[in-house]
């Protein structure tokens, strides 16, 4: 078997379909887990290395002579970087850190609930001058179970935290006790509880500012942290448009764990102050009690909350389950395309882990365009096969994870790299990250 560190990624722009009048080409390659890029006020390209595999999150600068390390030592996954008023804001597991103009690092927010499945994500700045960021949930659907074995033994008391005072129905889920030396011992776990701690009907859980599955904001120095909205599963990317509306790409629920949900779509949401977006009892604007969400051979999901904070809003757009929508940007160049249209990267499935053992669906591994007013979705850059490059031995897109517009009629697609075996994130192949550039001819 070929060693992972000896695998070389093939890149063939001709394997990728883009609309007539556009051209796609390789801009940079042989990168380690690039997760997003941004530009300084001087036009320098800064690249975030997630640090998955190496264990060392980095901020890089692409220069005419190659890659230069600006700062490193960030706790993986480093989920995004943002340049703002001379500082680089780095989101990494549990922290938001700024790299100051003199190169020193300063943690401005710490202790974020990022010890579980999902993490705190990239920072953006709003029209109010505040810093906004998304925070993912600890679990898939509100209950700590065997699918969380990766972190439960290390953090046995960690669990999800709501953003408001909520009552529970008291449903508990039985599973093998991962914290016991006796293989036959069973543990019962309730919603918003540590593993092995049951809940009871009428129990109330206190809401906190640093809530799971939320959007938070603070001053640029990290002070006056407050909750904006919650009830999201993993708001991986957020961004303001020129109408000062905050949009979010949110991941659907997987078919795994003690409370699996099938056919849960990814959501493109308009984020508004004080709203609850439905997780863990709604997905795609619909209740999980809808028969469409029943997994094959598993019970119909039921509500965990005894009373819902509100009727959650419907998404602006929904994507096929397991598309894994990631970073996006808005186009404001009329020569490139319609003004205000969003272009979003789709990472693709992590089947079979997330699909209940089923093969990877033919979704993701592409860049799509969204009309924010109508919710209409159409592919923009997609491999001719409709699959990832490695699925067919091609040289096109593998794991698109971000989209960024430059200043010169150009779009940059950050492509995370290759995992082996295909469809899993168990083994990362070094130096297989790519940045693609799409220009209008």
Protein backbone atom coordinates (compact mmCIF):
# COMPACT_ATOMS: atom_id res chain seq x y z
CA UNK A 1 0.00 0.00 0.00
CA UNK A 2 1.28 3.43 -0.91
CA UNK A 3 2.39 5.53 2.07
CA UNK A 4 0.21 8.64 2.63
CA UNK A 5 3.22 10.95 2.70
CA UNK A 6 4.23 9.68 -0.75
CA UNK A 7 0.87 10.42 -2.41
CA UNK A 8 1.06 13.37 -4.80
CA UNK A 9 -2.11 15.22 -5.74
CA UNK A 10 -2.92 15.55 -9.41
CA UNK A 11 -4.43 18.87 -10.49
CA UNK A 12 -6.26 19.19 -13.81
CA UNK A 13 -8.38 22.32 -14.20
CA UNK A 14 -9.87 20.78 -17.35
CA UNK A 15 -11.64 18.23 -15.12
CA UNK A 16 -13.77 21.04 -13.63
CA UNK A 17 -16.87 22.50 -15.25
CA UNK A 18 -17.40 26.25 -14.88
CA UNK A 19 -19.95 28.38 -16.75
CA UNK A 20 -19.17 29.65 -20.22
CA UNK A 21 -17.05 32.78 -20.04
CA UNK A 22 -15.13 31.71 -16.92
CA UNK A 23 -11.69 30.12 -16.56
CA UNK A 24 -10.40 28.02 -13.63
CA UNK A 25 -6.72 27.41 -12.93
CA UNK A 26 -4.39 26.33 -10.12
CA UNK A 27 -3.18 29.34 -8.11
CA UNK A 28 -1.21 27.53 -5.37
CA UNK A 29 -0.72 23.89 -4.44
CA UNK A 30 1.10 21.50 -2.08
CA UNK A 31 -0.47 23.23 0.92
CA UNK A 32 -1.28 21.67 4.32
CA UNK A 33 -4.98 21.86 5.27
CA UNK A 34 -5.71 25.40 3.99
CA UNK A 35 -9.05 26.41 5.52
CA UNK A 36 -9.46 30.01 4.36
CA UNK A 37 -7.61 32.97 2.94
CA UNK A 38 -7.90 36.71 3.32
CA UNK A 39 -6.09 39.88 2.32
CA UNK A 40 -4.31 42.54 4.34
CA UNK A 41 -4.81 46.25 3.66
CA UNK A 42 -1.62 46.09 1.63
CA UNK A 43 -3.06 43.37 -0.61
CA UNK A 44 -0.98 40.55 0.86
CA UNK A 45 -2.61 37.12 0.73
CA UNK A 46 -2.85 35.44 4.15
CA UNK A 47 -3.66 31.72 4.35
CA UNK A 48 -4.91 29.82 7.40
CA UNK A 49 -3.55 26.30 7.95
CA UNK A 50 -6.02 24.35 10.13
CA UNK A 51 -3.21 22.31 11.68
CA UNK A 52 -5.09 19.02 11.36
CA UNK A 53 -2.52 16.28 10.97
CA UNK A 54 0.45 18.41 11.98
CA UNK A 55 -1.08 19.47 15.30
CA UNK A 56 0.09 23.02 14.65
CA UNK A 57 -2.29 25.67 13.34
CA UNK A 58 -0.49 28.35 11.35
CA UNK A 59 -1.04 31.71 9.68
CA UNK A 60 0.88 31.96 6.42
CA UNK A 61 1.63 34.66 3.88
CA UNK A 62 1.91 33.85 0.19
CA UNK A 63 4.83 35.83 -1.25
CA UNK A 64 6.51 35.96 -4.63
CA UNK A 65 9.17 33.57 -3.31
CA UNK A 66 6.80 31.13 -1.63
CA UNK A 67 5.09 30.63 1.72
CA UNK A 68 6.19 32.50 4.84
CA UNK A 69 4.99 31.62 8.35
CA UNK A 70 3.52 34.66 10.14
CA UNK A 71 2.54 32.87 13.36
CA UNK A 72 2.04 29.30 14.54
CA UNK A 73 1.24 27.22 17.61
CA UNK A 74 -2.54 27.61 17.38
CA UNK A 75 -4.66 24.79 18.79
CA UNK A 76 -6.21 22.71 15.97
CA UNK A 77 -8.46 23.08 14.32
CA UNK A 78 -7.63 26.64 13.39
CA UNK A 79 -10.96 27.47 11.74
CA UNK A 80 -10.31 30.84 10.14
CA UNK A 81 -8.43 34.12 10.04
CA UNK A 82 -9.61 37.70 9.47
CA UNK A 83 -7.56 40.86 8.91
CA UNK A 84 -8.98 43.92 10.69
CA UNK A 85 -7.33 47.29 11.39
CA UNK A 86 -3.78 45.99 11.34
CA UNK A 87 -4.45 42.85 13.41
CA UNK A 88 -5.05 39.27 12.29
CA UNK A 89 -7.89 37.60 14.21
CA UNK A 90 -7.37 33.85 14.56
CA UNK A 91 -10.16 31.46 15.57
CA UNK A 92 -8.80 28.20 16.96
CA UNK A 93 -10.15 25.57 19.33
CA UNK A 94 -11.60 27.38 22.35
CA UNK A 95 -9.87 30.69 21.63
CA UNK A 96 -9.88 33.85 19.59
CA UNK A 97 -6.38 35.26 19.38
CA UNK A 98 -5.07 38.37 17.66
CA UNK A 99 -1.70 38.62 15.97
CA UNK A 100 -0.80 42.25 16.54
CA UNK A 101 1.04 44.42 14.03
CA UNK A 102 4.34 43.79 15.88
CA UNK A 103 3.84 40.01 15.55
CA UNK A 104 2.93 39.29 19.17
CA UNK A 105 -0.05 37.05 19.96
CA UNK A 106 -2.79 37.94 22.45
CA UNK A 107 -5.77 35.79 23.48
CA UNK A 108 -8.84 38.01 23.66
CA UNK A 109 -11.51 35.33 24.18
CA UNK A 110 -10.93 31.96 25.88
CA UNK A 111 -12.94 29.12 27.35
CA UNK A 112 -15.29 28.67 24.41
CA UNK A 113 -17.26 25.37 24.43
CA UNK A 114 -15.20 23.74 21.68
CA UNK A 115 -14.11 20.46 23.28
CA UNK A 116 -16.66 18.35 21.41
CA UNK A 117 -17.60 17.60 17.81
CA UNK A 118 -17.63 21.20 16.60
CA UNK A 119 -15.69 24.36 17.35
CA UNK A 120 -15.70 28.14 17.39
CA UNK A 121 -15.38 29.49 13.88
CA UNK A 122 -14.00 32.39 11.88
CA UNK A 123 -14.51 35.98 13.05
CA UNK A 124 -16.20 38.68 10.95
CA UNK A 125 -16.83 42.33 11.73
CA UNK A 126 -20.23 43.97 11.52
CA UNK A 127 -21.40 47.48 10.61
CA UNK A 128 -21.51 48.20 14.36
CA UNK A 129 -17.76 47.59 14.62
CA UNK A 130 -18.37 44.46 16.70
CA UNK A 131 -16.66 41.10 16.24
CA UNK A 132 -19.05 38.23 15.38
CA UNK A 133 -18.35 34.50 15.24
CA UNK A 134 -20.16 31.16 15.20
CA UNK A 135 -19.87 28.45 17.83
CA UNK A 136 -20.66 24.82 16.98
CA UNK A 137 -22.34 22.24 19.20
CA UNK A 138 -20.70 19.54 21.30
CA UNK A 139 -22.88 16.78 19.86
CA UNK A 140 -24.73 15.74 16.73
CA UNK A 141 -28.26 16.24 18.03
CA UNK A 142 -28.16 17.28 21.69
CA UNK A 143 -27.26 13.99 23.42
CA UNK A 144 -23.75 12.78 24.31
CA UNK A 145 -23.38 9.20 23.08
CA UNK A 146 -20.97 6.58 21.74
CA UNK A 147 -20.34 8.65 18.62
CA UNK A 148 -18.59 11.14 20.94
CA UNK A 149 -16.08 8.62 22.27
CA UNK A 150 -13.24 10.65 20.74
CA UNK A 151 -13.59 13.30 23.44
CA UNK A 152 -15.84 11.93 26.22
CA UNK A 153 -13.07 10.07 28.04
CA UNK A 154 -10.93 13.19 28.07
CA UNK A 155 -13.76 15.59 28.96
CA UNK A 156 -16.38 13.42 30.72
CA UNK A 157 -18.41 16.38 32.03
CA UNK A 158 -18.62 18.28 28.75
CA UNK A 159 -21.96 18.64 26.97
CA UNK A 160 -24.13 21.14 25.10
CA UNK A 161 -25.30 24.38 26.68
CA UNK A 162 -28.47 26.23 25.56
CA UNK A 163 -28.74 29.97 24.97
CA UNK A 164 -31.92 30.39 27.03
CA UNK A 165 -33.71 28.87 30.01
CA UNK A 166 -35.35 25.72 28.57
CA UNK A 167 -37.53 22.87 29.92
CA UNK A 168 -36.75 19.26 28.96
CA UNK A 169 -39.19 16.43 28.22
CA UNK A 170 -36.96 14.07 30.21
CA UNK A 171 -36.21 11.56 27.47
CA UNK A 172 -33.04 9.53 28.14
CA UNK A 173 -30.95 7.42 25.80
CA UNK A 174 -29.24 4.17 26.75
CA UNK A 175 -25.84 3.23 25.42
CA UNK A 176 -22.73 1.29 26.40
CA UNK A 177 -20.94 3.00 29.28
CA UNK A 178 -17.70 4.25 27.73
CA UNK A 179 -16.43 5.38 31.14
CA UNK A 180 -16.71 1.95 32.77
CA UNK A 181 -14.34 -1.01 32.71
CA UNK A 182 -17.35 -3.33 32.59
CA UNK A 183 -18.38 -3.93 28.98
CA UNK A 184 -21.94 -4.88 29.91
CA UNK A 185 -22.67 -1.72 31.90
CA UNK A 186 -25.16 0.70 30.37
CA UNK A 187 -25.34 4.47 30.74
CA UNK A 188 -28.45 6.65 30.42
CA UNK A 189 -27.98 10.18 29.16
CA UNK A 190 -30.40 13.07 28.80
CA UNK A 191 -30.33 16.13 26.56
CA UNK A 192 -27.94 18.95 27.52
CA UNK A 193 -26.33 16.61 30.10
CA UNK A 194 -22.89 15.05 30.55
CA UNK A 195 -22.53 11.46 29.43
CA UNK A 196 -24.28 9.11 31.85
CA UNK A 197 -26.39 11.82 33.50
CA UNK A 198 -30.13 11.32 32.89
CA UNK A 199 -32.69 14.11 32.73
CA UNK A 200 -36.26 14.23 34.05
CA UNK A 201 -39.53 15.67 32.76
CA UNK A 202 -39.91 19.31 33.70
CA UNK A 203 -36.21 19.78 34.36
CA UNK A 204 -35.00 23.25 33.39
CA UNK A 205 -31.57 23.98 31.96
CA UNK A 206 -30.06 27.42 32.42
CA UNK A 207 -28.99 29.32 29.32
CA UNK A 208 -25.53 30.88 29.02
CA UNK A 209 -23.87 33.45 26.76
CA UNK A 210 -21.25 30.98 25.50
CA UNK A 211 -23.99 28.71 24.21
CA UNK A 212 -23.53 25.71 21.92
CA UNK A 213 -24.66 26.22 18.34
CA UNK A 214 -24.73 30.00 18.56
CA UNK A 215 -23.63 33.31 17.12
CA UNK A 216 -21.83 35.61 19.56
CA UNK A 217 -20.40 39.09 19.31
CA UNK A 218 -17.97 41.22 21.28
CA UNK A 219 -15.90 44.37 21.02
CA UNK A 220 -12.77 44.00 18.87
CA UNK A 221 -10.73 43.53 22.06
CA UNK A 222 -12.97 40.68 23.24
CA UNK A 223 -14.85 42.61 25.91
CA UNK A 224 -18.65 42.77 26.35
CA UNK A 225 -19.33 39.32 24.96
CA UNK A 226 -23.02 38.75 24.23
CA UNK A 227 -25.26 36.18 22.58
CA UNK A 228 -26.81 37.11 19.23
CA UNK A 229 -28.72 33.93 18.29
CA UNK A 230 -28.70 30.18 18.99
CA UNK A 231 -30.31 26.90 17.92
CA UNK A 232 -27.79 26.28 15.12
CA UNK A 233 -25.83 23.03 14.87
CA UNK A 234 -22.55 24.19 13.35
CA UNK A 235 -22.53 27.74 11.96
CA UNK A 236 -19.25 27.18 10.16
CA UNK A 237 -19.16 30.52 8.33
CA UNK A 238 -20.95 33.82 8.77
CA UNK A 239 -20.71 36.99 6.70
CA UNK A 240 -22.44 40.35 6.35
CA UNK A 241 -23.65 41.51 2.96
CA UNK A 242 -23.70 45.15 1.88
CA UNK A 243 -27.23 45.53 3.20
CA UNK A 244 -25.80 44.73 6.66
CA UNK A 245 -27.61 41.39 6.82
CA UNK A 246 -25.74 38.58 8.56
CA UNK A 247 -25.86 35.23 6.76
CA UNK A 248 -24.70 31.84 7.97
CA UNK A 249 -23.92 28.42 6.53
CA UNK A 250 -25.19 25.84 9.04
CA UNK A 251 -24.67 22.06 8.92
CA UNK A 252 -27.54 19.60 9.19
CA UNK A 253 -27.81 16.73 11.68
CA UNK A 254 -26.09 13.41 10.90
CA UNK A 255 -27.43 9.85 11.00
CA UNK A 256 -25.33 8.88 14.01
CA UNK A 257 -25.29 8.68 17.77
CA UNK A 258 -28.05 8.07 20.30
CA UNK A 259 -30.50 10.33 18.43
CA UNK A 260 -29.83 10.02 14.68
CA UNK A 261 -31.78 12.14 12.22
CA UNK A 262 -31.99 11.25 8.52
CA UNK A 263 -32.36 13.59 5.55
CA UNK A 264 -31.41 16.69 7.56
CA UNK A 265 -30.49 19.46 5.09
CA UNK A 266 -27.72 22.02 5.37
CA UNK A 267 -29.08 25.53 5.82
CA UNK A 268 -28.19 28.98 4.53
CA UNK A 269 -29.70 31.20 7.22
CA UNK A 270 -30.31 34.92 7.72
CA UNK A 271 -29.21 35.58 11.31
CA UNK A 272 -31.24 38.03 13.38
CA UNK A 273 -30.85 39.17 16.96
CA UNK A 274 -32.56 37.04 19.61
CA UNK A 275 -33.72 34.27 17.29
CA UNK A 276 -33.71 30.51 17.96
CA UNK A 277 -33.01 28.51 14.79
CA UNK A 278 -34.44 25.17 15.84
CA UNK A 279 -31.61 22.80 16.84
CA UNK A 280 -31.94 20.19 18.25
CA UNK A 281 -35.70 19.81 17.53
CA UNK A 282 -35.97 21.37 14.06
CA UNK A 283 -33.94 21.05 10.90
CA UNK A 284 -34.43 22.95 7.66
CA UNK A 285 -37.32 24.79 9.34
CA UNK A 286 -39.24 21.53 9.97
CA UNK A 287 -39.71 19.52 13.18
CA UNK A 288 -37.64 16.35 13.53
CA UNK A 289 -40.93 14.55 14.22
CA UNK A 290 -41.68 14.76 10.50
CA UNK A 291 -41.55 11.16 9.13
CA UNK A 292 -39.03 12.20 6.48
CA UNK A 293 -36.39 12.45 9.21
CA UNK A 294 -36.82 8.89 10.53
CA UNK A 295 -33.62 6.87 10.00
CA UNK A 296 -33.94 3.41 8.50
CA UNK A 297 -34.32 0.83 11.28
CA UNK A 298 -34.19 3.48 14.00
CA UNK A 299 -36.88 5.23 16.07
CA UNK A 300 -38.61 8.39 14.87
CA UNK A 301 -36.83 11.36 16.48
CA UNK A 302 -38.94 13.16 19.07
CA UNK A 303 -38.58 16.55 20.74
CA UNK A 304 -36.03 17.06 23.52
CA UNK A 305 -37.37 20.45 24.63
CA UNK A 306 -40.63 20.59 26.56
CA UNK A 307 -41.34 24.03 25.15
CA UNK A 308 -39.68 25.76 22.22
CA UNK A 309 -38.43 29.34 22.54
CA UNK A 310 -40.26 30.27 19.31
CA UNK A 311 -41.19 28.94 15.90
CA UNK A 312 -37.79 28.85 14.17
CA UNK A 313 -37.41 30.78 10.90
CA UNK A 314 -37.19 28.93 7.63
CA UNK A 315 -33.76 28.98 5.93
CA UNK A 316 -33.08 31.26 3.00
CA UNK A 317 -31.93 28.15 1.12
CA UNK A 318 -31.47 24.46 1.90
CA UNK A 319 -28.84 22.11 0.53
CA UNK A 320 -28.98 18.34 0.11
CA UNK A 321 -28.14 16.42 3.29
CA UNK A 322 -24.39 15.95 3.83
CA UNK A 323 -23.39 18.62 1.30
CA UNK A 324 -21.36 20.18 4.17
CA UNK A 325 -21.59 23.80 3.09
CA UNK A 326 -18.59 25.80 4.24
CA UNK A 327 -17.15 29.25 3.48
CA UNK A 328 -18.90 31.71 1.19
CA UNK A 329 -18.54 35.21 -0.23
CA UNK A 330 -20.75 37.72 -2.01
CA UNK A 331 -20.03 39.06 -5.49
CA UNK A 332 -20.12 42.83 -5.96
CA UNK A 333 -18.40 43.05 -9.34
CA UNK A 334 -21.10 43.42 -12.05
CA UNK A 335 -18.65 42.21 -14.68
CA UNK A 336 -18.24 38.91 -12.78
CA UNK A 337 -21.89 38.08 -12.17
CA UNK A 338 -25.10 39.25 -10.53
CA UNK A 339 -24.55 41.74 -7.70
CA UNK A 340 -25.11 40.29 -4.22
CA UNK A 341 -25.08 36.67 -5.32
CA UNK A 342 -23.43 34.32 -2.80
CA UNK A 343 -20.90 31.68 -3.83
CA UNK A 344 -20.43 28.84 -1.33
CA UNK A 345 -18.02 25.93 -1.00
CA UNK A 346 -19.45 22.45 -0.43
CA UNK A 347 -16.98 20.17 1.37
CA UNK A 348 -18.87 16.94 0.76
CA UNK A 349 -19.95 13.98 2.87
CA UNK A 350 -17.98 12.18 5.57
CA UNK A 351 -19.84 8.96 4.82
CA UNK A 352 -20.24 6.34 6.12
CA UNK A 353 -19.75 7.84 9.60
CA UNK A 354 -22.33 10.56 9.10
CA UNK A 355 -24.82 8.74 6.90
CA UNK A 356 -25.75 5.74 9.04
CA UNK A 357 -23.36 3.44 7.21
CA UNK A 358 -24.62 4.32 3.75
CA UNK A 359 -22.23 5.19 0.90
CA UNK A 360 -21.42 8.81 0.17
CA UNK A 361 -24.25 10.58 -1.68
CA UNK A 362 -23.55 12.46 -4.91
CA UNK A 363 -23.46 15.85 -3.21
CA UNK A 364 -20.79 18.39 -2.27
CA UNK A 365 -17.27 18.66 -3.70
CA UNK A 366 -18.26 21.79 -5.59
CA UNK A 367 -18.91 25.52 -5.42
CA UNK A 368 -22.52 26.62 -5.77
CA UNK A 369 -24.18 30.00 -6.21
CA UNK A 370 -27.11 31.19 -4.13
CA UNK A 371 -29.55 33.95 -4.95
CA UNK A 372 -30.15 35.39 -1.44
CA UNK A 373 -33.54 36.85 -2.34
CA UNK A 374 -35.06 33.71 -3.88
CA UNK A 375 -32.98 30.94 -2.30
CA UNK A 376 -32.32 29.47 -5.74
CA UNK A 377 -29.17 27.30 -5.84
CA UNK A 378 -27.16 26.32 -8.91
CA UNK A 379 -23.69 24.77 -9.40
CA UNK A 380 -20.87 27.10 -10.39
CA UNK A 381 -17.72 24.94 -10.29
CA UNK A 382 -18.13 21.17 -10.23
CA UNK A 383 -16.10 18.20 -11.43
CA UNK A 384 -17.34 16.72 -14.69
CA UNK A 385 -18.01 13.46 -12.85
CA UNK A 386 -20.03 15.18 -10.12
CA UNK A 387 -17.81 13.40 -7.57
CA UNK A 388 -14.60 14.26 -5.73
CA UNK A 389 -11.38 14.03 -7.72
CA UNK A 390 -10.07 11.01 -5.81
CA UNK A 391 -13.34 9.10 -6.24
CA UNK A 392 -12.60 8.77 -9.95
CA UNK A 393 -8.84 9.32 -10.15
CA UNK A 394 -9.32 12.80 -11.61
CA UNK A 395 -7.53 16.07 -10.99
CA UNK A 396 -10.37 18.45 -10.10
CA UNK A 397 -11.93 19.67 -6.87
CA UNK A 398 -11.50 17.52 -3.77
CA UNK A 399 -12.69 19.27 -0.57
CA UNK A 400 -13.67 22.89 -1.29
CA UNK A 401 -13.85 24.70 2.06
CA UNK A 402 -13.91 28.43 1.32
CA UNK A 403 -14.64 31.00 -1.37
CA UNK A 404 -13.03 34.46 -1.40
CA UNK A 405 -13.26 37.24 -3.97
CA UNK A 406 -10.13 39.22 -4.76
CA UNK A 407 -9.95 42.76 -6.04
CA UNK A 408 -9.26 41.99 -9.68
CA UNK A 409 -12.22 40.14 -11.17
CA UNK A 410 -11.17 36.87 -9.54
CA UNK A 411 -12.50 34.23 -7.18
CA UNK A 412 -10.28 32.03 -5.03
CA UNK A 413 -11.45 28.55 -3.98
CA UNK A 414 -9.66 27.06 -0.98
CA UNK A 415 -9.50 23.26 -1.36
CA UNK A 416 -8.64 21.53 1.93
CA UNK A 417 -6.93 18.44 0.53
CA UNK A 418 -7.22 14.65 0.34
CA UNK A 419 -8.27 12.15 2.99
CA UNK A 420 -7.70 8.42 2.74
CA UNK A 421 -9.74 6.32 2.58
CA UNK A 422 -11.99 8.49 0.40
CA UNK A 423 -15.01 9.84 2.25
CA UNK A 424 -13.40 9.75 5.69
CA UNK A 425 -11.43 12.24 7.75
CA UNK A 426 -9.39 9.58 9.52
CA UNK A 427 -6.16 10.07 7.60
CA UNK A 428 -4.98 13.29 6.03
CA UNK A 429 -2.61 13.22 3.08
CA UNK A 430 0.09 15.90 3.59
CA UNK A 431 0.66 18.68 1.07
CA UNK A 432 -2.50 18.06 -0.97
CA UNK A 433 -4.24 21.39 -0.32
CA UNK A 434 -4.87 23.62 -3.34
CA UNK A 435 -6.04 27.15 -4.05
CA UNK A 436 -7.90 27.49 -7.34
CA UNK A 437 -8.56 30.79 -9.13
CA UNK A 438 -11.64 31.45 -11.27
CA UNK A 439 -11.62 34.52 -13.52
CA UNK A 440 -14.09 35.97 -15.97
CA UNK A 441 -12.73 35.84 -19.47
